Amino acid sequence: MVGLLLRVAGLLLAGSLGGALVNGLRSDGVAMREFVAASTCGAEPHPEGPRVLGPTAALTLCRDPGVLVADVRSAARFAKGHVAGAIHLPCRATGDALGGALAKLAGKHTVIVYGDSTEEARPVAESLEQRMGAGLDQPGSPDIVLLDGGFRAWDEAGLACTSGPCPDCQERLGSAP
């Protein structure tokens, strides 16, 4: 029994030393002297409002089921084309439309907001931050992120898009600007 334990300890030691040696020889090896905690997509929160991510970084977030993508454009623009899986959250949403959209945010840790441009989506993202306590370190408040360049940048990057009206806004389709 003691011999077996010594063998196991020897194998573990040899494996650890061998792994450390190979890691040290590789140019892309793990740094052993300093540790830097990873941040979400390498972007820092901005004190002046929601952080902004490019389409590729946002796509990485979209793979997480705790992330929701919200399109703030008109119902007609949404129907012509939008990020696959996005919900429609128009700027002027009120009442039931706003309540239904906000209910979809429950349990999400990140909300990616986009419009035709970054600046079109910014007021909605800032409003969401205020309404939901995001950016204020309140427990359960989602991280609000702006898509840099809006839908055009997403589409030009060749990322997943779809078309058709959202189930909740078909009746508004003709009345949206």
N, C-alpha and C. Protein backbone atom coordinates (compact mmCIF):
# COMPACT_ATOMS: atom_id res chain seq x y z
N MET A 1 0.82 -1.19 0.00
CA MET A 1 0.00 0.00 0.00
C MET A 1 0.87 1.26 0.00
N VAL A 2 1.90 1.30 0.82
CA VAL A 2 2.80 2.45 0.87
C VAL A 2 3.52 2.62 -0.45
N GLY A 3 3.91 1.49 -1.05
CA GLY A 3 4.59 1.53 -2.36
C GLY A 3 3.69 2.14 -3.43
N LEU A 4 2.40 1.81 -3.39
CA LEU A 4 1.45 2.36 -4.35
C LEU A 4 1.31 3.88 -4.16
N LEU A 5 1.21 4.32 -2.92
CA LEU A 5 1.10 5.75 -2.64
C LEU A 5 2.35 6.50 -3.09
N LEU A 6 3.51 5.93 -2.90
CA LEU A 6 4.75 6.56 -3.35
C LEU A 6 4.79 6.66 -4.86
N ARG A 7 4.33 5.62 -5.53
CA ARG A 7 4.28 5.64 -7.00
C ARG A 7 3.35 6.73 -7.52
N VAL A 8 2.16 6.82 -6.89
CA VAL A 8 1.19 7.83 -7.30
C VAL A 8 1.76 9.23 -7.06
N ALA A 9 2.38 9.44 -5.89
CA ALA A 9 2.98 10.73 -5.58
C ALA A 9 4.11 11.06 -6.57
N GLY A 10 4.91 10.07 -6.91
CA GLY A 10 5.99 10.27 -7.88
C GLY A 10 5.46 10.63 -9.25
N LEU A 11 4.41 9.94 -9.69
CA LEU A 11 3.80 10.25 -10.99
C LEU A 11 3.20 11.66 -10.99
N LEU A 12 2.52 12.03 -9.92
CA LEU A 12 1.95 13.38 -9.84
C LEU A 12 3.04 14.45 -9.88
N LEU A 13 4.11 14.22 -9.14
CA LEU A 13 5.22 15.17 -9.12
C LEU A 13 5.88 15.28 -10.49
N ALA A 14 6.14 14.12 -11.13
CA ALA A 14 6.75 14.12 -12.45
C ALA A 14 5.85 14.81 -13.48
N GLY A 15 4.55 14.54 -13.41
CA GLY A 15 3.61 15.18 -14.33
C GLY A 15 3.54 16.68 -14.13
N SER A 16 3.54 17.11 -12.88
CA SER A 16 3.50 18.54 -12.58
C SER A 16 4.75 19.25 -13.08
N LEU A 17 5.89 18.66 -12.81
CA LEU A 17 7.15 19.27 -13.26
C LEU A 17 7.24 19.29 -14.78
N GLY A 18 6.82 18.20 -15.41
CA GLY A 18 6.84 18.14 -16.88
C GLY A 18 5.91 19.18 -17.48
N GLY A 19 4.70 19.33 -16.91
CA GLY A 19 3.75 20.33 -17.39
C GLY A 19 4.29 21.74 -17.22
N ALA A 20 4.90 22.01 -16.07
CA ALA A 20 5.47 23.33 -15.82
C ALA A 20 6.60 23.63 -16.80
N LEU A 21 7.41 22.63 -17.09
CA LEU A 21 8.52 22.80 -18.03
C LEU A 21 8.00 23.11 -19.43
N VAL A 22 7.04 22.33 -19.90
CA VAL A 22 6.47 22.56 -21.24
C VAL A 22 5.79 23.93 -21.28
N ASN A 23 5.04 24.30 -20.24
CA ASN A 23 4.39 25.61 -20.18
C ASN A 23 5.42 26.74 -20.27
N GLY A 24 6.53 26.58 -19.55
CA GLY A 24 7.58 27.60 -19.56
C GLY A 24 8.25 27.75 -20.91
N LEU A 25 8.32 26.68 -21.68
CA LEU A 25 8.97 26.72 -22.99
C LEU A 25 8.07 27.29 -24.09
N ARG A 26 6.75 27.25 -23.87
CA ARG A 26 5.82 27.74 -24.89
C ARG A 26 5.71 29.25 -24.85
N SER A 27 5.64 29.88 -26.01
CA SER A 27 5.50 31.34 -26.07
C SER A 27 4.11 31.78 -25.59
N ASP A 28 3.12 30.91 -25.73
CA ASP A 28 1.77 31.25 -25.30
C ASP A 28 1.39 30.55 -24.00
N GLY A 29 2.39 30.16 -23.21
CA GLY A 29 2.15 29.47 -21.95
C GLY A 29 1.48 30.39 -20.93
N VAL A 30 0.94 29.77 -19.89
CA VAL A 30 0.27 30.51 -18.83
C VAL A 30 1.31 31.18 -17.94
N ALA A 31 1.13 32.48 -17.67
CA ALA A 31 2.05 33.21 -16.80
C ALA A 31 1.89 32.69 -15.38
N MET A 32 2.98 32.26 -14.78
CA MET A 32 2.93 31.67 -13.44
C MET A 32 3.22 32.69 -12.34
N ARG A 33 3.80 33.81 -12.66
CA ARG A 33 4.19 34.77 -11.63
C ARG A 33 3.13 35.81 -11.35
N GLU A 34 2.27 36.08 -12.31
CA GLU A 34 1.24 37.08 -12.07
C GLU A 34 -0.08 36.56 -12.61
N PHE A 35 -1.12 36.91 -11.91
CA PHE A 35 -2.45 36.49 -12.30
C PHE A 35 -3.30 37.72 -12.53
N VAL A 36 -3.94 37.80 -13.67
CA VAL A 36 -4.85 38.89 -13.96
C VAL A 36 -6.22 38.27 -14.22
N ALA A 37 -7.17 38.61 -13.39
CA ALA A 37 -8.51 38.06 -13.54
C ALA A 37 -9.10 38.54 -14.86
N ALA A 38 -9.76 37.64 -15.56
CA ALA A 38 -10.38 37.99 -16.83
C ALA A 38 -11.57 38.89 -16.59
N SER A 39 -11.76 39.86 -17.45
CA SER A 39 -12.94 40.71 -17.39
C SER A 39 -13.82 40.35 -18.57
N THR A 40 -15.08 40.71 -18.51
CA THR A 40 -16.02 40.37 -19.55
C THR A 40 -15.58 40.97 -20.87
N CYS A 41 -15.19 40.16 -21.79
CA CYS A 41 -14.81 40.57 -23.14
C CYS A 41 -13.74 41.64 -23.16
N GLY A 42 -12.99 41.79 -22.09
CA GLY A 42 -11.89 42.74 -22.06
C GLY A 42 -12.30 44.20 -22.00
N ALA A 43 -13.59 44.49 -21.78
CA ALA A 43 -14.03 45.87 -21.73
C ALA A 43 -14.33 46.27 -20.29
N GLU A 44 -13.95 47.47 -19.93
CA GLU A 44 -14.21 47.99 -18.59
C GLU A 44 -15.49 48.81 -18.60
N PRO A 45 -16.27 48.78 -17.50
CA PRO A 45 -17.46 49.62 -17.44
C PRO A 45 -17.08 51.10 -17.52
N HIS A 46 -17.89 51.88 -18.17
CA HIS A 46 -17.63 53.31 -18.31
C HIS A 46 -18.49 54.07 -17.32
N PRO A 47 -17.89 54.96 -16.54
CA PRO A 47 -18.68 55.73 -15.58
C PRO A 47 -19.71 56.62 -16.25
N GLU A 48 -19.49 57.00 -17.51
CA GLU A 48 -20.43 57.88 -18.19
C GLU A 48 -21.60 57.15 -18.81
N GLY A 49 -21.73 55.86 -18.63
CA GLY A 49 -22.87 55.13 -19.16
C GLY A 49 -22.50 53.72 -19.55
N PRO A 50 -23.39 53.08 -20.31
CA PRO A 50 -23.16 51.68 -20.69
C PRO A 50 -21.87 51.52 -21.48
N ARG A 51 -21.23 50.39 -21.30
CA ARG A 51 -20.02 50.12 -22.09
C ARG A 51 -20.42 49.74 -23.50
N VAL A 52 -19.49 49.86 -24.41
CA VAL A 52 -19.74 49.62 -25.82
C VAL A 52 -18.85 48.47 -26.28
N LEU A 53 -19.46 47.50 -26.96
CA LEU A 53 -18.72 46.36 -27.50
C LEU A 53 -18.93 46.26 -28.99
N GLY A 54 -17.88 45.86 -29.70
CA GLY A 54 -17.99 45.61 -31.13
C GLY A 54 -18.79 44.35 -31.39
N PRO A 55 -19.21 44.14 -32.63
CA PRO A 55 -20.03 42.99 -32.96
C PRO A 55 -19.41 41.64 -32.60
N THR A 56 -18.12 41.45 -32.82
CA THR A 56 -17.50 40.16 -32.53
C THR A 56 -17.49 39.87 -31.04
N ALA A 57 -17.17 40.88 -30.23
CA ALA A 57 -17.19 40.70 -28.77
C ALA A 57 -18.61 40.46 -28.29
N ALA A 58 -19.59 41.17 -28.86
CA ALA A 58 -20.99 40.97 -28.49
C ALA A 58 -21.45 39.56 -28.86
N LEU A 59 -21.00 39.05 -30.00
CA LEU A 59 -21.37 37.70 -30.41
C LEU A 59 -20.91 36.68 -29.38
N THR A 60 -19.73 36.88 -28.82
CA THR A 60 -19.22 35.98 -27.78
C THR A 60 -20.19 35.96 -26.60
N LEU A 61 -20.70 37.14 -26.21
CA LEU A 61 -21.66 37.21 -25.12
C LEU A 61 -22.98 36.53 -25.48
N CYS A 62 -23.40 36.66 -26.73
CA CYS A 62 -24.70 36.14 -27.16
C CYS A 62 -24.84 34.64 -26.99
N ARG A 63 -23.74 33.94 -26.89
CA ARG A 63 -23.80 32.48 -26.73
C ARG A 63 -24.23 32.07 -25.33
N ASP A 64 -24.29 33.02 -24.41
CA ASP A 64 -24.65 32.76 -23.02
C ASP A 64 -26.17 32.92 -22.87
N PRO A 65 -26.87 31.92 -22.30
CA PRO A 65 -28.33 32.04 -22.15
C PRO A 65 -28.75 33.15 -21.19
N GLY A 66 -27.83 33.70 -20.40
CA GLY A 66 -28.14 34.79 -19.49
C GLY A 66 -28.02 36.15 -20.15
N VAL A 67 -27.85 36.15 -21.48
CA VAL A 67 -27.71 37.40 -22.23
C VAL A 67 -28.93 37.59 -23.11
N LEU A 68 -29.44 38.80 -23.15
CA LEU A 68 -30.58 39.14 -23.99
C LEU A 68 -30.17 40.26 -24.92
N VAL A 69 -30.56 40.19 -26.17
CA VAL A 69 -30.28 41.24 -27.16
C VAL A 69 -31.58 41.99 -27.42
N ALA A 70 -31.52 43.33 -27.33
CA ALA A 70 -32.71 44.16 -27.49
C ALA A 70 -32.52 45.16 -28.63
N ASP A 71 -33.44 45.15 -29.57
CA ASP A 71 -33.44 46.05 -30.73
C ASP A 71 -34.36 47.22 -30.42
N VAL A 72 -33.84 48.46 -30.47
CA VAL A 72 -34.62 49.63 -30.11
C VAL A 72 -35.19 50.37 -31.33
N ARG A 73 -35.02 49.81 -32.51
CA ARG A 73 -35.50 50.47 -33.71
C ARG A 73 -37.02 50.31 -33.85
N SER A 74 -37.58 50.93 -34.84
CA SER A 74 -39.02 50.83 -35.07
C SER A 74 -39.40 49.39 -35.42
N ALA A 75 -40.67 49.09 -35.26
CA ALA A 75 -41.16 47.74 -35.58
C ALA A 75 -40.92 47.42 -37.06
N ALA A 76 -41.06 48.42 -37.93
CA ALA A 76 -40.84 48.19 -39.37
C ALA A 76 -39.38 47.84 -39.64
N ARG A 77 -38.45 48.57 -39.00
CA ARG A 77 -37.02 48.28 -39.18
C ARG A 77 -36.67 46.90 -38.61
N PHE A 78 -37.24 46.58 -37.46
CA PHE A 78 -37.02 45.26 -36.85
C PHE A 78 -37.47 44.16 -37.81
N ALA A 79 -38.65 44.35 -38.41
CA ALA A 79 -39.20 43.34 -39.32
C ALA A 79 -38.33 43.14 -40.55
N LYS A 80 -37.68 44.20 -41.04
CA LYS A 80 -36.83 44.10 -42.22
C LYS A 80 -35.56 43.29 -41.96
N GLY A 81 -35.10 43.31 -40.71
CA GLY A 81 -33.90 42.55 -40.35
C GLY A 81 -33.44 42.92 -38.97
N HIS A 82 -33.04 41.91 -38.20
CA HIS A 82 -32.55 42.14 -36.84
C HIS A 82 -31.60 41.02 -36.44
N VAL A 83 -30.89 41.24 -35.34
CA VAL A 83 -29.99 40.22 -34.80
C VAL A 83 -30.83 39.00 -34.45
N ALA A 84 -30.39 37.84 -34.87
CA ALA A 84 -31.13 36.61 -34.58
C ALA A 84 -31.30 36.46 -33.08
N GLY A 85 -32.55 36.23 -32.65
CA GLY A 85 -32.85 36.03 -31.24
C GLY A 85 -33.14 37.30 -30.47
N ALA A 86 -33.04 38.47 -31.13
CA ALA A 86 -33.27 39.74 -30.44
C ALA A 86 -34.75 39.93 -30.13
N ILE A 87 -35.02 40.66 -29.03
CA ILE A 87 -36.38 41.09 -28.75
C ILE A 87 -36.52 42.52 -29.26
N HIS A 88 -37.75 42.95 -29.47
CA HIS A 88 -38.00 44.31 -29.91
C HIS A 88 -38.33 45.15 -28.69
N LEU A 89 -37.56 46.21 -28.46
CA LEU A 89 -37.76 47.13 -27.35
C LEU A 89 -37.66 48.54 -27.90
N PRO A 90 -38.74 49.03 -28.51
CA PRO A 90 -38.67 50.34 -29.15
C PRO A 90 -38.48 51.46 -28.13
N CYS A 91 -37.87 52.55 -28.60
CA CYS A 91 -37.58 53.71 -27.75
C CYS A 91 -38.82 54.24 -27.05
N ARG A 92 -39.91 54.24 -27.77
CA ARG A 92 -41.12 54.87 -27.23
C ARG A 92 -42.05 53.86 -26.56
N ALA A 93 -41.55 52.69 -26.21
CA ALA A 93 -42.39 51.67 -25.59
C ALA A 93 -42.93 52.17 -24.25
N THR A 94 -44.23 51.95 -24.05
CA THR A 94 -44.87 52.31 -22.79
C THR A 94 -45.88 51.22 -22.45
N GLY A 95 -46.45 51.30 -21.28
CA GLY A 95 -47.54 50.42 -20.89
C GLY A 95 -47.20 48.95 -21.01
N ASP A 96 -48.13 48.19 -21.64
CA ASP A 96 -47.98 46.75 -21.78
C ASP A 96 -46.76 46.37 -22.61
N ALA A 97 -46.48 47.15 -23.66
CA ALA A 97 -45.32 46.85 -24.51
C ALA A 97 -44.03 46.93 -23.70
N LEU A 98 -43.90 47.97 -22.88
CA LEU A 98 -42.71 48.12 -22.06
C LEU A 98 -42.67 47.05 -20.97
N GLY A 99 -43.81 46.81 -20.34
CA GLY A 99 -43.87 45.80 -19.28
C GLY A 99 -43.50 44.42 -19.80
N GLY A 100 -44.01 44.07 -20.99
CA GLY A 100 -43.69 42.77 -21.58
C GLY A 100 -42.22 42.64 -21.91
N ALA A 101 -41.64 43.71 -22.44
CA ALA A 101 -40.21 43.67 -22.78
C ALA A 101 -39.36 43.58 -21.52
N LEU A 102 -39.70 44.36 -20.50
CA LEU A 102 -38.93 44.34 -19.26
C LEU A 102 -39.05 42.98 -18.56
N ALA A 103 -40.20 42.32 -18.69
CA ALA A 103 -40.37 41.00 -18.09
C ALA A 103 -39.39 40.00 -18.72
N LYS A 104 -39.07 40.18 -19.99
CA LYS A 104 -38.12 39.28 -20.66
C LYS A 104 -36.70 39.48 -20.15
N LEU A 105 -36.44 40.61 -19.50
CA LEU A 105 -35.11 40.89 -18.96
C LEU A 105 -34.88 40.20 -17.62
N ALA A 106 -35.96 39.74 -16.99
CA ALA A 106 -35.84 39.11 -15.68
C ALA A 106 -34.91 37.89 -15.76
N GLY A 107 -33.98 37.83 -14.84
CA GLY A 107 -33.06 36.71 -14.77
C GLY A 107 -31.88 36.80 -15.73
N LYS A 108 -31.81 37.84 -16.52
CA LYS A 108 -30.69 38.02 -17.44
C LYS A 108 -29.59 38.82 -16.74
N HIS A 109 -28.33 38.44 -16.98
CA HIS A 109 -27.24 39.18 -16.36
C HIS A 109 -26.63 40.22 -17.29
N THR A 110 -26.95 40.14 -18.59
CA THR A 110 -26.43 41.11 -19.55
C THR A 110 -27.50 41.38 -20.60
N VAL A 111 -27.64 42.65 -20.97
CA VAL A 111 -28.56 43.04 -22.03
C VAL A 111 -27.74 43.84 -23.05
N ILE A 112 -27.72 43.36 -24.29
CA ILE A 112 -27.04 44.06 -25.38
C ILE A 112 -28.10 44.86 -26.13
N VAL A 113 -27.93 46.17 -26.18
CA VAL A 113 -28.90 47.07 -26.78
C VAL A 113 -28.31 47.62 -28.08
N TYR A 114 -29.13 47.62 -29.14
CA TYR A 114 -28.66 48.20 -30.40
C TYR A 114 -29.79 48.89 -31.14
N GLY A 115 -29.40 49.80 -32.02
CA GLY A 115 -30.31 50.50 -32.92
C GLY A 115 -29.66 50.52 -34.28
N ASP A 116 -30.01 51.52 -35.09
CA ASP A 116 -29.33 51.66 -36.38
C ASP A 116 -27.91 52.16 -36.16
N SER A 117 -27.68 52.83 -35.03
CA SER A 117 -26.35 53.32 -34.68
C SER A 117 -26.18 53.19 -33.17
N THR A 118 -24.95 53.36 -32.72
CA THR A 118 -24.68 53.32 -31.28
C THR A 118 -25.44 54.45 -30.59
N GLU A 119 -25.41 55.64 -31.19
CA GLU A 119 -26.04 56.80 -30.55
C GLU A 119 -27.56 56.68 -30.50
N GLU A 120 -28.17 56.00 -31.47
CA GLU A 120 -29.62 55.81 -31.42
C GLU A 120 -30.00 54.94 -30.22
N ALA A 121 -29.18 53.97 -29.90
CA ALA A 121 -29.48 53.03 -28.82
C ALA A 121 -29.08 53.55 -27.44
N ARG A 122 -28.17 54.52 -27.39
CA ARG A 122 -27.64 54.99 -26.10
C ARG A 122 -28.73 55.47 -25.13
N PRO A 123 -29.70 56.31 -25.54
CA PRO A 123 -30.71 56.76 -24.57
C PRO A 123 -31.53 55.60 -23.98
N VAL A 124 -31.82 54.61 -24.78
CA VAL A 124 -32.59 53.46 -24.29
C VAL A 124 -31.74 52.66 -23.30
N ALA A 125 -30.46 52.44 -23.63
CA ALA A 125 -29.57 51.71 -22.74
C ALA A 125 -29.41 52.45 -21.41
N GLU A 126 -29.26 53.76 -21.47
CA GLU A 126 -29.13 54.55 -20.24
C GLU A 126 -30.41 54.50 -19.42
N SER A 127 -31.55 54.53 -20.10
CA SER A 127 -32.84 54.44 -19.41
C SER A 127 -32.98 53.07 -18.73
N LEU A 128 -32.57 52.01 -19.42
CA LEU A 128 -32.61 50.67 -18.82
C LEU A 128 -31.72 50.61 -17.58
N GLU A 129 -30.54 51.19 -17.68
CA GLU A 129 -29.64 51.21 -16.52
C GLU A 129 -30.33 51.87 -15.33
N GLN A 130 -30.99 52.97 -15.55
CA GLN A 130 -31.67 53.68 -14.46
C GLN A 130 -32.84 52.88 -13.92
N ARG A 131 -33.66 52.32 -14.80
CA ARG A 131 -34.84 51.57 -14.38
C ARG A 131 -34.50 50.30 -13.62
N MET A 132 -33.43 49.65 -14.03
CA MET A 132 -33.11 48.35 -13.47
C MET A 132 -31.98 48.40 -12.45
N GLY A 133 -31.45 49.57 -12.18
CA GLY A 133 -30.36 49.68 -11.21
C GLY A 133 -29.05 49.16 -11.74
N ALA A 134 -28.95 48.94 -13.04
CA ALA A 134 -27.71 48.43 -13.62
C ALA A 134 -26.63 49.50 -13.51
N GLY A 135 -25.40 49.06 -13.36
CA GLY A 135 -24.29 49.98 -13.24
C GLY A 135 -24.19 50.58 -11.84
N LEU A 136 -25.12 50.22 -10.97
CA LEU A 136 -25.11 50.76 -9.61
C LEU A 136 -24.76 49.69 -8.60
N ASP A 137 -24.24 48.57 -9.06
CA ASP A 137 -23.85 47.46 -8.21
C ASP A 137 -24.99 46.94 -7.35
N GLN A 138 -26.20 47.01 -7.87
CA GLN A 138 -27.33 46.46 -7.14
C GLN A 138 -27.44 44.98 -7.47
N PRO A 139 -27.69 44.13 -6.47
CA PRO A 139 -27.78 42.69 -6.72
C PRO A 139 -28.86 42.38 -7.75
N GLY A 140 -28.51 41.54 -8.69
CA GLY A 140 -29.45 41.11 -9.72
C GLY A 140 -29.63 42.08 -10.86
N SER A 141 -28.97 43.22 -10.83
CA SER A 141 -29.14 44.17 -11.92
C SER A 141 -28.25 43.74 -13.09
N PRO A 142 -28.82 43.74 -14.29
CA PRO A 142 -28.04 43.30 -15.45
C PRO A 142 -27.01 44.34 -15.90
N ASP A 143 -26.01 43.85 -16.59
CA ASP A 143 -25.01 44.71 -17.22
C ASP A 143 -25.59 45.14 -18.56
N ILE A 144 -25.69 46.44 -18.78
CA ILE A 144 -26.24 46.97 -20.03
C ILE A 144 -25.07 47.31 -20.95
N VAL A 145 -25.12 46.77 -22.18
CA VAL A 145 -24.03 46.93 -23.14
C VAL A 145 -24.61 47.48 -24.45
N LEU A 146 -23.89 48.41 -25.07
CA LEU A 146 -24.28 48.94 -26.38
C LEU A 146 -23.51 48.22 -27.48
N LEU A 147 -24.17 47.91 -28.57
CA LEU A 147 -23.52 47.31 -29.73
C LEU A 147 -22.91 48.43 -30.56
N ASP A 148 -21.60 48.45 -30.65
CA ASP A 148 -20.89 49.50 -31.38
C ASP A 148 -21.22 49.43 -32.87
N GLY A 149 -21.72 50.53 -33.40
CA GLY A 149 -22.06 50.58 -34.82
C GLY A 149 -23.47 50.11 -35.11
N GLY A 150 -24.18 49.62 -34.11
CA GLY A 150 -25.57 49.21 -34.28
C GLY A 150 -25.74 48.03 -35.22
N PHE A 151 -26.98 47.90 -35.71
CA PHE A 151 -27.33 46.76 -36.55
C PHE A 151 -26.48 46.71 -37.82
N ARG A 152 -26.19 47.86 -38.40
CA ARG A 152 -25.40 47.89 -39.64
C ARG A 152 -24.04 47.20 -39.42
N ALA A 153 -23.36 47.50 -38.31
CA ALA A 153 -22.06 46.89 -38.04
C ALA A 153 -22.19 45.38 -37.85
N TRP A 154 -23.25 44.95 -37.18
CA TRP A 154 -23.50 43.52 -36.97
C TRP A 154 -23.68 42.83 -38.33
N ASP A 155 -24.53 43.41 -39.16
CA ASP A 155 -24.82 42.84 -40.48
C ASP A 155 -23.57 42.84 -41.36
N GLU A 156 -22.81 43.93 -41.36
CA GLU A 156 -21.60 44.02 -42.19
C GLU A 156 -20.52 43.04 -41.73
N ALA A 157 -20.56 42.66 -40.46
CA ALA A 157 -19.61 41.67 -39.95
C ALA A 157 -20.02 40.26 -40.35
N GLY A 158 -21.17 40.12 -41.01
CA GLY A 158 -21.62 38.81 -41.48
C GLY A 158 -22.17 37.93 -40.37
N LEU A 159 -22.66 38.54 -39.29
CA LEU A 159 -23.16 37.77 -38.16
C LEU A 159 -24.64 37.46 -38.35
N ALA A 160 -25.15 36.51 -37.57
CA ALA A 160 -26.50 35.98 -37.75
C ALA A 160 -27.59 37.05 -37.65
N CYS A 161 -28.38 37.13 -38.72
CA CYS A 161 -29.51 38.05 -38.79
C CYS A 161 -30.73 37.25 -39.22
N THR A 162 -31.88 37.80 -38.94
CA THR A 162 -33.13 37.21 -39.40
C THR A 162 -34.08 38.36 -39.69
N SER A 163 -35.24 38.05 -40.25
CA SER A 163 -36.22 39.09 -40.52
C SER A 163 -37.59 38.60 -40.10
N GLY A 164 -38.55 39.50 -40.16
CA GLY A 164 -39.92 39.18 -39.77
C GLY A 164 -40.28 39.93 -38.51
N PRO A 165 -41.58 40.22 -38.35
CA PRO A 165 -42.02 40.99 -37.19
C PRO A 165 -41.88 40.19 -35.90
N CYS A 166 -41.72 40.90 -34.81
CA CYS A 166 -41.69 40.22 -33.52
C CYS A 166 -43.11 39.83 -33.15
N PRO A 167 -43.29 38.76 -32.41
CA PRO A 167 -44.64 38.32 -32.06
C PRO A 167 -45.43 39.37 -31.28
N ASP A 168 -44.75 40.19 -30.48
CA ASP A 168 -45.42 41.17 -29.64
C ASP A 168 -45.71 42.49 -30.33
N CYS A 169 -45.19 42.71 -31.54
CA CYS A 169 -45.34 44.05 -32.13
C CYS A 169 -46.00 44.02 -33.50
N GLN A 170 -46.63 42.94 -33.90
CA GLN A 170 -47.27 42.92 -35.22
C GLN A 170 -48.35 43.97 -35.34
N GLU A 171 -49.09 44.22 -34.27
CA GLU A 171 -50.14 45.23 -34.35
C GLU A 171 -49.57 46.65 -34.43
N ARG A 172 -48.34 46.85 -34.00
CA ARG A 172 -47.71 48.18 -34.06
C ARG A 172 -46.94 48.40 -35.36
N LEU A 173 -46.76 47.37 -36.17
CA LEU A 173 -45.91 47.43 -37.34
C LEU A 173 -46.26 48.59 -38.27
N GLY A 174 -47.50 48.82 -38.54
CA GLY A 174 -47.89 49.89 -39.45
C GLY A 174 -47.82 51.26 -38.82
N SER A 175 -47.85 51.38 -37.48
CA SER A 175 -47.86 52.68 -36.85
C SER A 175 -46.50 53.18 -36.41
N ALA A 176 -45.46 52.35 -36.53
CA ALA A 176 -44.14 52.77 -36.07
C ALA A 176 -43.48 53.64 -37.12
N PRO A 177 -42.68 54.65 -36.67
CA PRO A 177 -41.99 55.51 -37.64
C PRO A 177 -40.88 54.77 -38.35
